[in-house]
Amino acid sequence: FKGHTKGVKAVAWSPDGKTIVSGSADNTIRLWDTSGNPIGQPFEGHRKSVMSVAWSPDGQTIVSGGYAGKPRLWDRSGNPIGQPFKGHKDGIYSVAWSPNGLTIVSGSRDNTIRLWDTLGNPIGKPFKGHTNSIYSVKFSPDGKTIASGSYDRTIRLWDTNGQPIGQGLKGHTKAVTSVAFSPDGKTIISGSEDNTLRLWRPGTWQDWLKIACNRIILHP
């Protein structure tokens, strides 16, 4: 697919599988059909590289984030929706929609994660815990948990109020650049600059503890 004038930093399929969105270091976003033909004109508005793009669950809206540090919303015709989201203090590496389409999460070089409504209003305070840039953020399939991967070499889990769930998951020896949940939400896959992928099942100990506590209650 030819059209961008600098490196492509992010791509994503539309929910119906008919359209692809891309974000580039040329500061633009483009839509493509599955044969590689560009759809419409480039989306222009970012002042710096676009590092992450994601479709809303209904496929009607795109969120983008980049080095300028302000997520933006777009309709499918490339028209910006509202104003850029203000809150982060540095560039954004990752954006993602909640499964219900009501919330957006962003991860930044300012070491924080933020939640937003679809009008661009921040929800609550920044999530703090990572000690370096956040490269990847994802919602769990049920929308109740957020996973983040960071240059600090850890993965962290959060509830939607910004409270950390357990301790950071450690094992990678270099930056964690990508995280994703399994379809059932019980397992996380992570990718790192240490050339490895790792699987995590952070819910296992919690499930065990719940069972153990129930046994104590039932059989004191």
N, C-alpha and C. Protein backbone atom coordinates (compact mmCIF):
# COMPACT_ATOMS: atom_id res chain seq x y z
N PHE A 1 0.87 -1.18 0.00
CA PHE A 1 0.00 0.00 0.00
C PHE A 1 0.91 1.22 0.00
N LYS A 2 0.81 2.05 -1.00
CA LYS A 2 1.67 3.22 -1.12
C LYS A 2 0.86 4.51 -1.01
N GLY A 3 1.39 5.43 -0.22
CA GLY A 3 0.70 6.69 -0.02
C GLY A 3 1.36 7.54 1.05
N HIS A 4 1.79 6.88 2.14
CA HIS A 4 2.52 7.60 3.17
C HIS A 4 3.90 8.00 2.65
N THR A 5 4.42 9.09 3.16
CA THR A 5 5.73 9.58 2.71
C THR A 5 6.84 9.33 3.71
N LYS A 6 6.48 8.79 4.88
CA LYS A 6 7.48 8.38 5.86
C LYS A 6 7.00 7.06 6.49
N GLY A 7 7.78 6.56 7.44
CA GLY A 7 7.50 5.26 8.01
C GLY A 7 6.12 5.11 8.62
N VAL A 8 5.56 3.92 8.45
CA VAL A 8 4.25 3.60 9.03
C VAL A 8 4.45 3.04 10.43
N LYS A 9 3.80 3.65 11.41
CA LYS A 9 4.00 3.30 12.81
C LYS A 9 2.89 2.44 13.40
N ALA A 10 1.71 2.46 12.78
CA ALA A 10 0.58 1.73 13.37
C ALA A 10 -0.43 1.38 12.30
N VAL A 11 -1.05 0.20 12.44
CA VAL A 11 -2.12 -0.23 11.53
C VAL A 11 -3.19 -0.94 12.34
N ALA A 12 -4.44 -0.92 11.83
CA ALA A 12 -5.52 -1.62 12.51
C ALA A 12 -6.64 -1.92 11.52
N TRP A 13 -7.27 -3.07 11.68
CA TRP A 13 -8.43 -3.46 10.88
C TRP A 13 -9.69 -2.84 11.47
N SER A 14 -10.62 -2.48 10.62
CA SER A 14 -11.95 -2.10 11.09
C SER A 14 -12.67 -3.34 11.60
N PRO A 15 -13.64 -3.17 12.50
CA PRO A 15 -14.34 -4.34 13.05
C PRO A 15 -14.99 -5.23 11.99
N ASP A 16 -15.44 -4.64 10.87
CA ASP A 16 -16.07 -5.46 9.83
C ASP A 16 -15.07 -6.07 8.87
N GLY A 17 -13.78 -5.78 9.05
CA GLY A 17 -12.74 -6.38 8.23
C GLY A 17 -12.63 -5.83 6.82
N LYS A 18 -13.31 -4.74 6.53
CA LYS A 18 -13.31 -4.21 5.15
C LYS A 18 -12.37 -3.03 4.94
N THR A 19 -11.88 -2.44 6.02
CA THR A 19 -11.08 -1.23 5.92
C THR A 19 -9.89 -1.32 6.87
N ILE A 20 -8.79 -0.72 6.46
CA ILE A 20 -7.57 -0.67 7.27
C ILE A 20 -7.22 0.79 7.51
N VAL A 21 -6.80 1.10 8.73
CA VAL A 21 -6.32 2.45 9.05
C VAL A 21 -4.84 2.36 9.37
N SER A 22 -4.09 3.37 8.98
CA SER A 22 -2.65 3.42 9.24
C SER A 22 -2.26 4.79 9.77
N GLY A 23 -1.26 4.81 10.64
CA GLY A 23 -0.70 6.04 11.17
C GLY A 23 0.78 6.10 10.86
N SER A 24 1.28 7.30 10.57
CA SER A 24 2.62 7.41 10.01
C SER A 24 3.45 8.52 10.64
N ALA A 25 4.76 8.40 10.44
CA ALA A 25 5.69 9.45 10.83
C ALA A 25 5.56 10.67 9.93
N ASP A 26 4.76 10.59 8.86
CA ASP A 26 4.50 11.78 8.04
C ASP A 26 3.38 12.64 8.64
N ASN A 27 2.97 12.28 9.88
CA ASN A 27 1.98 13.03 10.66
C ASN A 27 0.55 12.83 10.18
N THR A 28 0.31 11.86 9.30
CA THR A 28 -1.03 11.65 8.78
C THR A 28 -1.56 10.26 9.10
N ILE A 29 -2.87 10.13 8.91
CA ILE A 29 -3.59 8.87 9.02
C ILE A 29 -4.23 8.61 7.66
N ARG A 30 -4.25 7.33 7.25
CA ARG A 30 -4.88 7.00 5.98
C ARG A 30 -5.78 5.79 6.13
N LEU A 31 -6.83 5.75 5.32
CA LEU A 31 -7.68 4.58 5.21
C LEU A 31 -7.42 3.88 3.89
N TRP A 32 -7.59 2.55 3.90
CA TRP A 32 -7.32 1.72 2.73
C TRP A 32 -8.39 0.64 2.62
N ASP A 33 -8.70 0.25 1.40
CA ASP A 33 -9.50 -0.96 1.25
C ASP A 33 -8.55 -2.15 1.28
N THR A 34 -9.09 -3.35 1.26
CA THR A 34 -8.25 -4.54 1.43
C THR A 34 -7.45 -4.90 0.19
N SER A 35 -7.65 -4.14 -0.89
CA SER A 35 -6.82 -4.32 -2.09
C SER A 35 -5.67 -3.33 -2.13
N GLY A 36 -5.60 -2.47 -1.11
CA GLY A 36 -4.50 -1.51 -1.03
C GLY A 36 -4.79 -0.16 -1.65
N ASN A 37 -6.04 0.08 -2.03
CA ASN A 37 -6.39 1.38 -2.59
C ASN A 37 -6.70 2.37 -1.47
N PRO A 38 -6.11 3.56 -1.53
CA PRO A 38 -6.42 4.55 -0.50
C PRO A 38 -7.88 5.00 -0.58
N ILE A 39 -8.48 5.23 0.57
CA ILE A 39 -9.86 5.70 0.64
C ILE A 39 -9.83 7.16 1.08
N GLY A 40 -10.25 8.05 0.20
CA GLY A 40 -10.27 9.46 0.54
C GLY A 40 -8.89 10.07 0.68
N GLN A 41 -8.86 11.22 1.31
CA GLN A 41 -7.61 11.94 1.52
C GLN A 41 -7.00 11.60 2.88
N PRO A 42 -5.70 11.86 3.05
CA PRO A 42 -5.10 11.64 4.36
C PRO A 42 -5.77 12.50 5.43
N PHE A 43 -5.83 11.95 6.65
CA PHE A 43 -6.35 12.71 7.78
C PHE A 43 -5.20 13.59 8.29
N GLU A 44 -5.39 14.87 8.29
CA GLU A 44 -4.33 15.79 8.71
C GLU A 44 -4.75 16.56 9.95
N GLY A 45 -3.83 16.70 10.88
CA GLY A 45 -4.13 17.40 12.12
C GLY A 45 -3.04 17.20 13.16
N HIS A 46 -2.42 16.02 13.15
CA HIS A 46 -1.30 15.79 14.05
C HIS A 46 -0.09 16.61 13.61
N ARG A 47 0.63 17.14 14.58
CA ARG A 47 1.81 17.95 14.27
C ARG A 47 3.09 17.11 14.27
N LYS A 48 2.99 15.89 14.81
CA LYS A 48 4.15 15.01 14.86
C LYS A 48 3.69 13.60 14.50
N SER A 49 4.62 12.66 14.54
CA SER A 49 4.36 11.28 14.14
C SER A 49 3.14 10.70 14.84
N VAL A 50 2.36 9.93 14.08
CA VAL A 50 1.21 9.20 14.63
C VAL A 50 1.70 7.80 14.98
N MET A 51 1.64 7.46 16.27
CA MET A 51 2.24 6.22 16.75
C MET A 51 1.23 5.10 16.99
N SER A 52 -0.07 5.44 17.10
CA SER A 52 -1.07 4.43 17.42
C SER A 52 -2.42 4.85 16.87
N VAL A 53 -3.16 3.87 16.34
CA VAL A 53 -4.52 4.10 15.83
C VAL A 53 -5.41 2.94 16.27
N ALA A 54 -6.69 3.23 16.52
CA ALA A 54 -7.62 2.17 16.92
C ALA A 54 -9.03 2.54 16.50
N TRP A 55 -9.81 1.54 16.08
CA TRP A 55 -11.20 1.74 15.71
C TRP A 55 -12.11 1.61 16.91
N SER A 56 -13.17 2.37 16.93
CA SER A 56 -14.23 2.15 17.92
C SER A 56 -14.91 0.82 17.59
N PRO A 57 -15.53 0.17 18.57
CA PRO A 57 -16.16 -1.13 18.31
C PRO A 57 -17.23 -1.10 17.22
N ASP A 58 -17.90 0.05 17.02
CA ASP A 58 -18.91 0.12 15.96
C ASP A 58 -18.31 0.48 14.60
N GLY A 59 -17.00 0.72 14.55
CA GLY A 59 -16.33 0.98 13.29
C GLY A 59 -16.58 2.35 12.69
N GLN A 60 -17.14 3.26 13.46
CA GLN A 60 -17.47 4.57 12.92
C GLN A 60 -16.47 5.67 13.30
N THR A 61 -15.63 5.40 14.27
CA THR A 61 -14.72 6.41 14.78
C THR A 61 -13.32 5.83 14.95
N ILE A 62 -12.33 6.66 14.74
CA ILE A 62 -10.93 6.27 14.92
C ILE A 62 -10.31 7.17 15.98
N VAL A 63 -9.55 6.59 16.88
CA VAL A 63 -8.75 7.37 17.81
C VAL A 63 -7.29 7.21 17.41
N SER A 64 -6.54 8.29 17.54
CA SER A 64 -5.12 8.26 17.19
C SER A 64 -4.32 8.95 18.29
N GLY A 65 -3.08 8.53 18.43
CA GLY A 65 -2.18 9.14 19.39
C GLY A 65 -0.79 9.22 18.80
N GLY A 66 -0.02 10.22 19.20
CA GLY A 66 1.31 10.36 18.63
C GLY A 66 2.22 11.20 19.50
N TYR A 67 3.34 11.58 18.91
CA TYR A 67 4.37 12.29 19.65
C TYR A 67 3.93 13.67 20.13
N ALA A 68 2.87 14.23 19.55
CA ALA A 68 2.40 15.53 20.01
C ALA A 68 1.73 15.45 21.38
N GLY A 69 1.35 14.23 21.80
CA GLY A 69 0.85 14.04 23.16
C GLY A 69 -0.63 14.26 23.36
N LYS A 70 -1.40 14.41 22.27
CA LYS A 70 -2.83 14.67 22.41
C LYS A 70 -3.63 13.71 21.53
N PRO A 71 -4.32 12.74 22.13
CA PRO A 71 -5.16 11.86 21.32
C PRO A 71 -6.19 12.67 20.53
N ARG A 72 -6.58 12.12 19.37
CA ARG A 72 -7.59 12.79 18.54
C ARG A 72 -8.60 11.77 18.06
N LEU A 73 -9.83 12.22 17.83
CA LEU A 73 -10.89 11.40 17.25
C LEU A 73 -11.19 11.88 15.84
N TRP A 74 -11.56 10.90 14.98
CA TRP A 74 -11.87 11.18 13.58
C TRP A 74 -13.07 10.36 13.15
N ASP A 75 -13.87 10.93 12.23
CA ASP A 75 -14.87 10.09 11.59
C ASP A 75 -14.25 9.41 10.38
N ARG A 76 -14.99 8.55 9.73
CA ARG A 76 -14.43 7.76 8.63
C ARG A 76 -14.07 8.60 7.41
N SER A 77 -14.58 9.81 7.35
CA SER A 77 -14.25 10.70 6.24
C SER A 77 -13.01 11.55 6.51
N GLY A 78 -12.42 11.38 7.69
CA GLY A 78 -11.21 12.13 8.03
C GLY A 78 -11.47 13.46 8.70
N ASN A 79 -12.72 13.69 9.09
CA ASN A 79 -13.03 14.93 9.80
C ASN A 79 -12.72 14.77 11.29
N PRO A 80 -11.98 15.72 11.87
CA PRO A 80 -11.73 15.61 13.31
C PRO A 80 -13.00 15.79 14.10
N ILE A 81 -13.13 15.03 15.17
CA ILE A 81 -14.28 15.12 16.06
C ILE A 81 -13.83 15.81 17.34
N GLY A 82 -14.34 16.99 17.57
CA GLY A 82 -13.96 17.72 18.77
C GLY A 82 -12.52 18.19 18.73
N GLN A 83 -12.01 18.52 19.89
CA GLN A 83 -10.65 19.01 20.03
C GLN A 83 -9.71 17.90 20.50
N PRO A 84 -8.40 18.06 20.26
CA PRO A 84 -7.45 17.09 20.81
C PRO A 84 -7.60 16.97 22.32
N PHE A 85 -7.36 15.75 22.84
CA PHE A 85 -7.50 15.50 24.27
C PHE A 85 -6.27 16.06 24.99
N LYS A 86 -6.50 16.86 26.01
CA LYS A 86 -5.40 17.47 26.73
C LYS A 86 -5.26 16.85 28.12
N GLY A 87 -4.04 16.48 28.46
CA GLY A 87 -3.81 15.89 29.77
C GLY A 87 -2.42 15.31 29.92
N HIS A 88 -1.95 14.59 28.90
CA HIS A 88 -0.60 14.04 28.95
C HIS A 88 0.44 15.15 28.80
N LYS A 89 1.62 14.91 29.35
CA LYS A 89 2.69 15.89 29.32
C LYS A 89 3.77 15.53 28.31
N ASP A 90 3.58 14.43 27.59
CA ASP A 90 4.58 14.01 26.59
C ASP A 90 3.87 13.15 25.54
N GLY A 91 4.62 12.64 24.59
CA GLY A 91 4.06 11.89 23.48
C GLY A 91 3.34 10.63 23.90
N ILE A 92 2.48 10.14 23.00
CA ILE A 92 1.67 8.96 23.25
C ILE A 92 2.11 7.83 22.33
N TYR A 93 2.33 6.67 22.93
CA TYR A 93 2.71 5.49 22.16
C TYR A 93 1.54 4.57 21.84
N SER A 94 0.49 4.62 22.64
CA SER A 94 -0.57 3.62 22.48
C SER A 94 -1.93 4.17 22.88
N VAL A 95 -2.95 3.83 22.08
CA VAL A 95 -4.34 4.15 22.41
C VAL A 95 -5.19 2.91 22.16
N ALA A 96 -6.31 2.79 22.89
CA ALA A 96 -7.20 1.65 22.71
C ALA A 96 -8.60 2.02 23.19
N TRP A 97 -9.62 1.40 22.58
CA TRP A 97 -11.01 1.58 22.98
C TRP A 97 -11.43 0.50 23.96
N SER A 98 -12.33 0.84 24.85
CA SER A 98 -12.98 -0.16 25.68
C SER A 98 -13.95 -0.96 24.82
N PRO A 99 -14.26 -2.20 25.19
CA PRO A 99 -15.17 -3.02 24.38
C PRO A 99 -16.55 -2.40 24.17
N ASN A 100 -17.02 -1.59 25.15
CA ASN A 100 -18.35 -0.97 24.99
C ASN A 100 -18.32 0.34 24.22
N GLY A 101 -17.11 0.78 23.84
CA GLY A 101 -16.98 1.98 23.02
C GLY A 101 -17.17 3.29 23.75
N LEU A 102 -17.24 3.25 25.08
CA LEU A 102 -17.51 4.47 25.85
C LEU A 102 -16.25 5.12 26.42
N THR A 103 -15.15 4.38 26.40
CA THR A 103 -13.93 4.85 27.05
C THR A 103 -12.72 4.59 26.17
N ILE A 104 -11.75 5.48 26.25
CA ILE A 104 -10.49 5.34 25.53
C ILE A 104 -9.37 5.36 26.55
N VAL A 105 -8.35 4.53 26.35
CA VAL A 105 -7.19 4.53 27.22
C VAL A 105 -5.97 4.92 26.39
N SER A 106 -5.06 5.66 27.02
CA SER A 106 -3.83 6.06 26.34
C SER A 106 -2.64 5.85 27.25
N GLY A 107 -1.50 5.47 26.66
CA GLY A 107 -0.25 5.30 27.38
C GLY A 107 0.79 6.22 26.82
N SER A 108 1.58 6.85 27.68
CA SER A 108 2.42 7.97 27.26
C SER A 108 3.87 7.85 27.69
N ARG A 109 4.68 8.67 27.04
CA ARG A 109 6.08 8.83 27.43
C ARG A 109 6.23 9.59 28.75
N ASP A 110 5.12 10.14 29.26
CA ASP A 110 5.18 10.80 30.57
C ASP A 110 5.03 9.80 31.72
N ASN A 111 5.07 8.50 31.38
CA ASN A 111 5.03 7.39 32.34
C ASN A 111 3.64 7.14 32.93
N THR A 112 2.61 7.75 32.36
CA THR A 112 1.26 7.58 32.90
C THR A 112 0.31 7.02 31.86
N ILE A 113 -0.81 6.53 32.39
CA ILE A 113 -1.94 6.06 31.58
C ILE A 113 -3.11 6.96 31.92
N ARG A 114 -3.94 7.25 30.90
CA ARG A 114 -5.12 8.06 31.16
C ARG A 114 -6.33 7.44 30.50
N LEU A 115 -7.49 7.63 31.16
CA LEU A 115 -8.77 7.25 30.58
C LEU A 115 -9.50 8.52 30.15
N TRP A 116 -10.28 8.38 29.06
CA TRP A 116 -11.02 9.51 28.50
C TRP A 116 -12.42 9.06 28.09
N ASP A 117 -13.37 9.99 28.18
CA ASP A 117 -14.65 9.69 27.54
C ASP A 117 -14.56 10.07 26.07
N THR A 118 -15.60 9.81 25.31
CA THR A 118 -15.53 10.03 23.87
C THR A 118 -15.68 11.50 23.47
N LEU A 119 -15.79 12.37 24.46
CA LEU A 119 -15.76 13.81 24.19
C LEU A 119 -14.38 14.39 24.47
N GLY A 120 -13.47 13.51 24.91
CA GLY A 120 -12.12 13.97 25.20
C GLY A 120 -11.89 14.46 26.60
N ASN A 121 -12.86 14.23 27.49
CA ASN A 121 -12.70 14.63 28.88
C ASN A 121 -11.95 13.55 29.65
N PRO A 122 -10.92 13.92 30.41
CA PRO A 122 -10.22 12.90 31.20
C PRO A 122 -11.13 12.33 32.28
N ILE A 123 -11.00 11.03 32.50
CA ILE A 123 -11.77 10.33 33.54
C ILE A 123 -10.83 10.03 34.69
N GLY A 124 -11.05 10.66 35.82
CA GLY A 124 -10.19 10.41 36.97
C GLY A 124 -8.79 10.95 36.78
N LYS A 125 -7.91 10.48 37.62
CA LYS A 125 -6.52 10.93 37.60
C LYS A 125 -5.65 9.98 36.78
N PRO A 126 -4.47 10.44 36.37
CA PRO A 126 -3.56 9.55 35.64
C PRO A 126 -3.21 8.31 36.47
N PHE A 127 -3.05 7.19 35.79
CA PHE A 127 -2.62 5.96 36.46
C PHE A 127 -1.09 6.04 36.60
N LYS A 128 -0.61 5.96 37.83
CA LYS A 128 0.83 6.06 38.07
C LYS A 128 1.36 4.79 38.71
N GLY A 129 2.51 4.35 38.25
CA GLY A 129 3.12 3.13 38.76
C GLY A 129 4.33 2.74 37.94
N HIS A 130 4.24 2.91 36.62
CA HIS A 130 5.40 2.66 35.78
C HIS A 130 6.45 3.74 36.01
N THR A 131 7.70 3.37 35.80
CA THR A 131 8.81 4.31 36.02
C THR A 131 9.45 4.76 34.72
N ASN A 132 8.84 4.38 33.59
CA ASN A 132 9.36 4.83 32.30
C ASN A 132 8.22 4.83 31.29
N SER A 133 8.52 5.16 30.05
CA SER A 133 7.50 5.29 29.01
C SER A 133 6.64 4.06 28.88
N ILE A 134 5.36 4.28 28.55
CA ILE A 134 4.41 3.18 28.37
C ILE A 134 4.20 2.98 26.88
N TYR A 135 4.54 1.80 26.41
CA TYR A 135 4.51 1.49 24.98
C TYR A 135 3.18 0.90 24.52
N SER A 136 2.46 0.23 25.40
CA SER A 136 1.28 -0.49 24.96
C SER A 136 0.23 -0.53 26.06
N VAL A 137 -1.03 -0.30 25.68
CA VAL A 137 -2.16 -0.42 26.61
C VAL A 137 -3.28 -1.17 25.92
N LYS A 138 -3.97 -2.04 26.67
CA LYS A 138 -5.08 -2.81 26.13
C LYS A 138 -6.14 -3.03 27.21
N PHE A 139 -7.41 -3.01 26.80
CA PHE A 139 -8.51 -3.40 27.67
C PHE A 139 -8.68 -4.92 27.62
N SER A 140 -9.09 -5.49 28.73
CA SER A 140 -9.51 -6.89 28.73
C SER A 140 -10.82 -7.02 27.98
N PRO A 141 -11.17 -8.22 27.52
CA PRO A 141 -12.42 -8.39 26.76
C PRO A 141 -13.68 -7.96 27.51
N ASP A 142 -13.67 -8.06 28.85
CA ASP A 142 -14.85 -7.62 29.61
C ASP A 142 -14.80 -6.14 29.97
N GLY A 143 -13.71 -5.46 29.60
CA GLY A 143 -13.59 -4.04 29.83
C GLY A 143 -13.30 -3.62 31.25
N LYS A 144 -13.04 -4.59 32.14
CA LYS A 144 -12.85 -4.27 33.55
C LYS A 144 -11.39 -4.08 33.95
N THR A 145 -10.48 -4.51 33.08
CA THR A 145 -9.06 -4.48 33.41
C THR A 145 -8.28 -3.88 32.24
N ILE A 146 -7.21 -3.18 32.56
CA ILE A 146 -6.30 -2.63 31.56
C ILE A 146 -4.92 -3.20 31.81
N ALA A 147 -4.27 -3.65 30.76
CA ALA A 147 -2.89 -4.11 30.83
C ALA A 147 -2.00 -3.07 30.16
N SER A 148 -0.83 -2.85 30.74
CA SER A 148 0.12 -1.91 30.16
C SER A 148 1.51 -2.52 30.14
N GLY A 149 2.26 -2.19 29.10
CA GLY A 149 3.65 -2.62 28.98
C GLY A 149 4.54 -1.41 28.86
N SER A 150 5.71 -1.46 29.51
CA SER A 150 6.52 -0.26 29.64
C SER A 150 8.00 -0.49 29.35
N TYR A 151 8.66 0.64 29.09
CA TYR A 151 10.11 0.63 28.93
C TYR A 151 10.80 0.23 30.24
N ASP A 152 10.06 0.27 31.37
CA ASP A 152 10.65 -0.15 32.64
C ASP A 152 10.72 -1.67 32.79
N ARG A 153 10.35 -2.39 31.70
CA ARG A 153 10.48 -3.85 31.58
C ARG A 153 9.37 -4.62 32.30
N THR A 154 8.34 -3.92 32.76
CA THR A 154 7.26 -4.60 33.46
C THR A 154 5.94 -4.49 32.72
N ILE A 155 5.02 -5.40 33.08
CA ILE A 155 3.62 -5.31 32.68
C ILE A 155 2.84 -5.02 33.95
N ARG A 156 1.86 -4.15 33.84
CA ARG A 156 1.02 -3.86 35.00
C ARG A 156 -0.44 -4.01 34.62
N LEU A 157 -1.25 -4.40 35.62
CA LEU A 157 -2.70 -4.49 35.46
C LEU A 157 -3.35 -3.44 36.33
N TRP A 158 -4.47 -2.90 35.83
CA TRP A 158 -5.17 -1.82 36.51
C TRP A 158 -6.67 -2.05 36.42
N ASP A 159 -7.40 -1.58 37.43
CA ASP A 159 -8.83 -1.51 37.26
C ASP A 159 -9.17 -0.17 36.59
N THR A 160 -10.41 0.04 36.24
CA THR A 160 -10.76 1.24 35.49
C THR A 160 -10.83 2.49 36.36
N ASN A 161 -10.56 2.34 37.65
CA ASN A 161 -10.43 3.50 38.54
C ASN A 161 -8.98 3.93 38.70
N GLY A 162 -8.09 3.21 38.01
CA GLY A 162 -6.67 3.56 38.08
C GLY A 162 -5.92 2.90 39.21
N GLN A 163 -6.57 1.94 39.88
CA GLN A 163 -5.91 1.23 40.98
C GLN A 163 -5.11 0.04 40.43
N PRO A 164 -3.86 -0.08 40.82
CA PRO A 164 -3.07 -1.23 40.35
C PRO A 164 -3.63 -2.53 40.90
N ILE A 165 -3.60 -3.57 40.08
CA ILE A 165 -4.02 -4.90 40.50
C ILE A 165 -2.76 -5.73 40.70
N GLY A 166 -2.43 -6.00 41.93
CA GLY A 166 -1.23 -6.76 42.22
C GLY A 166 0.03 -5.97 41.93
N GLN A 167 1.14 -6.68 41.87
CA GLN A 167 2.43 -6.07 41.58
C GLN A 167 2.71 -6.12 40.09
N GLY A 168 3.69 -5.34 39.66
CA GLY A 168 4.10 -5.40 38.27
C GLY A 168 4.61 -6.79 37.92
N LEU A 169 4.31 -7.23 36.70
CA LEU A 169 4.75 -8.56 36.26
C LEU A 169 6.15 -8.43 35.66
N LYS A 170 7.09 -9.14 36.27
CA LYS A 170 8.50 -9.01 35.89
C LYS A 170 9.01 -10.30 35.27
N GLY A 171 9.88 -10.15 34.29
CA GLY A 171 10.45 -11.30 33.61
C GLY A 171 11.25 -10.88 32.39
N HIS A 172 10.75 -9.88 31.69
CA HIS A 172 11.49 -9.37 30.54
C HIS A 172 12.74 -8.61 31.00
N THR A 173 13.76 -8.62 30.18
CA THR A 173 15.01 -7.95 30.52
C THR A 173 15.21 -6.64 29.77
N LYS A 174 14.27 -6.34 28.87
CA LYS A 174 14.29 -5.05 28.18
C LYS A 174 12.85 -4.55 28.07
N ALA A 175 12.68 -3.42 27.40
CA ALA A 175 11.37 -2.77 27.32
C ALA A 175 10.28 -3.72 26.82
N VAL A 176 9.10 -3.61 27.42
CA VAL A 176 7.92 -4.34 26.96
C VAL A 176 7.20 -3.44 25.95
N THR A 177 7.14 -3.88 24.71
CA THR A 177 6.64 -3.01 23.64
C THR A 177 5.21 -3.32 23.22
N SER A 178 4.68 -4.48 23.63
CA SER A 178 3.32 -4.83 23.22
C SER A 178 2.69 -5.79 24.22
N VAL A 179 1.40 -5.59 24.49
CA VAL A 179 0.64 -6.50 25.35
C VAL A 179 -0.72 -6.75 24.73
N ALA A 180 -1.28 -7.93 25.01
CA ALA A 180 -2.62 -8.25 24.51
C ALA A 180 -3.24 -9.33 25.39
N PHE A 181 -4.56 -9.26 25.55
CA PHE A 181 -5.30 -10.27 26.29
C PHE A 181 -5.75 -11.39 25.36
N SER A 182 -5.84 -12.60 25.89
CA SER A 182 -6.48 -13.70 25.17
C SER A 182 -7.98 -13.42 25.11
N PRO A 183 -8.71 -14.04 24.17
CA PRO A 183 -10.15 -13.79 24.06
C PRO A 183 -10.95 -14.03 25.34
N ASP A 184 -10.50 -14.99 26.18
CA ASP A 184 -11.23 -15.24 27.43
C ASP A 184 -10.76 -14.33 28.56
N GLY A 185 -9.75 -13.49 28.31
CA GLY A 185 -9.28 -12.53 29.29
C GLY A 185 -8.42 -13.10 30.40
N LYS A 186 -8.09 -14.38 30.34
CA LYS A 186 -7.37 -15.01 31.45
C LYS A 186 -5.86 -15.02 31.27
N THR A 187 -5.40 -14.76 30.05
CA THR A 187 -3.98 -14.83 29.75
C THR A 187 -3.55 -13.57 29.02
N ILE A 188 -2.33 -13.13 29.30
CA ILE A 188 -1.75 -11.96 28.62
C ILE A 188 -0.51 -12.42 27.88
N ILE A 189 -0.35 -11.92 26.67
CA ILE A 189 0.88 -12.14 25.91
C ILE A 189 1.62 -10.81 25.86
N SER A 190 2.93 -10.86 26.02
CA SER A 190 3.73 -9.65 25.95
C SER A 190 4.90 -9.87 25.00
N GLY A 191 5.30 -8.79 24.34
CA GLY A 191 6.46 -8.80 23.46
C GLY A 191 7.45 -7.75 23.93
N SER A 192 8.74 -8.06 23.79
CA SER A 192 9.76 -7.20 24.37
C SER A 192 10.95 -6.99 23.43
N GLU A 193 11.69 -5.94 23.70
CA GLU A 193 12.93 -5.69 22.97
C GLU A 193 14.02 -6.68 23.36
N ASP A 194 13.74 -7.58 24.32
CA ASP A 194 14.71 -8.62 24.65
C ASP A 194 14.58 -9.83 23.71
N ASN A 195 13.79 -9.64 22.63
CA ASN A 195 13.62 -10.66 21.57
C ASN A 195 12.70 -11.81 21.96
N THR A 196 11.97 -11.66 23.05
CA THR A 196 11.11 -12.76 23.50
C THR A 196 9.66 -12.32 23.64
N LEU A 197 8.78 -13.33 23.64
CA LEU A 197 7.38 -13.17 24.03
C LEU A 197 7.19 -13.97 25.31
N ARG A 198 6.27 -13.50 26.15
CA ARG A 198 5.98 -14.22 27.39
C ARG A 198 4.48 -14.30 27.59
N LEU A 199 4.03 -15.41 28.17
CA LEU A 199 2.64 -15.58 28.56
C LEU A 199 2.53 -15.41 30.06
N TRP A 200 1.44 -14.77 30.48
CA TRP A 200 1.20 -14.52 31.89
C TRP A 200 -0.24 -14.90 32.21
N ARG A 201 -0.45 -15.48 33.35
CA ARG A 201 -1.79 -15.78 33.83
C ARG A 201 -1.94 -15.16 35.22
N PRO A 202 -2.01 -13.84 35.27
CA PRO A 202 -2.00 -13.16 36.57
C PRO A 202 -3.20 -13.44 37.44
N GLY A 203 -4.30 -13.93 36.88
CA GLY A 203 -5.47 -14.22 37.68
C GLY A 203 -5.36 -15.50 38.48
N THR A 204 -4.38 -16.34 38.16
CA THR A 204 -4.29 -17.66 38.78
C THR A 204 -4.18 -17.59 40.30
N TRP A 205 -3.28 -16.74 40.80
CA TRP A 205 -3.11 -16.66 42.25
C TRP A 205 -4.35 -16.09 42.93
N GLN A 206 -5.03 -15.14 42.25
CA GLN A 206 -6.24 -14.57 42.84
C GLN A 206 -7.35 -15.61 42.92
N ASP A 207 -7.49 -16.40 41.86
CA ASP A 207 -8.48 -17.46 41.86
C ASP A 207 -8.19 -18.46 42.97
N TRP A 208 -6.91 -18.81 43.10
CA TRP A 208 -6.52 -19.77 44.14
C TRP A 208 -6.83 -19.22 45.52
N LEU A 209 -6.50 -17.92 45.74
CA LEU A 209 -6.74 -17.31 47.04
C LEU A 209 -8.23 -17.29 47.36
N LYS A 210 -9.06 -16.98 46.36
CA LYS A 210 -10.51 -16.95 46.57
C LYS A 210 -11.02 -18.32 46.97
N ILE A 211 -10.54 -19.35 46.28
CA ILE A 211 -10.95 -20.72 46.60
C ILE A 211 -10.50 -21.09 48.01
N ALA A 212 -9.24 -20.72 48.34
CA ALA A 212 -8.70 -21.05 49.65
C ALA A 212 -9.51 -20.38 50.77
N CYS A 213 -9.84 -19.11 50.55
CA CYS A 213 -10.61 -18.37 51.56
C CYS A 213 -12.01 -18.97 51.73
N ASN A 214 -12.61 -19.36 50.60
CA ASN A 214 -13.94 -19.98 50.67
C ASN A 214 -13.88 -21.28 51.45
N ARG A 215 -12.80 -22.04 51.26
CA ARG A 215 -12.66 -23.30 51.99
C ARG A 215 -12.55 -23.06 53.50
N ILE A 216 -11.80 -22.00 53.85
CA ILE A 216 -11.66 -21.68 55.27
C ILE A 216 -12.99 -21.28 55.89
N ILE A 217 -13.76 -20.49 55.11
CA ILE A 217 -15.06 -20.06 55.60
C ILE A 217 -16.01 -21.25 55.77
N LEU A 218 -15.98 -22.16 54.78
CA LEU A 218 -16.89 -23.30 54.81
C LEU A 218 -16.44 -24.37 55.78
N HIS A 219 -15.10 -24.47 55.97
CA HIS A 219 -14.56 -25.52 56.84
C HIS A 219 -13.57 -24.92 57.82
N PRO A 220 -14.06 -24.14 58.78
CA PRO A 220 -13.14 -23.50 59.75
C PRO A 220 -12.44 -24.54 60.62
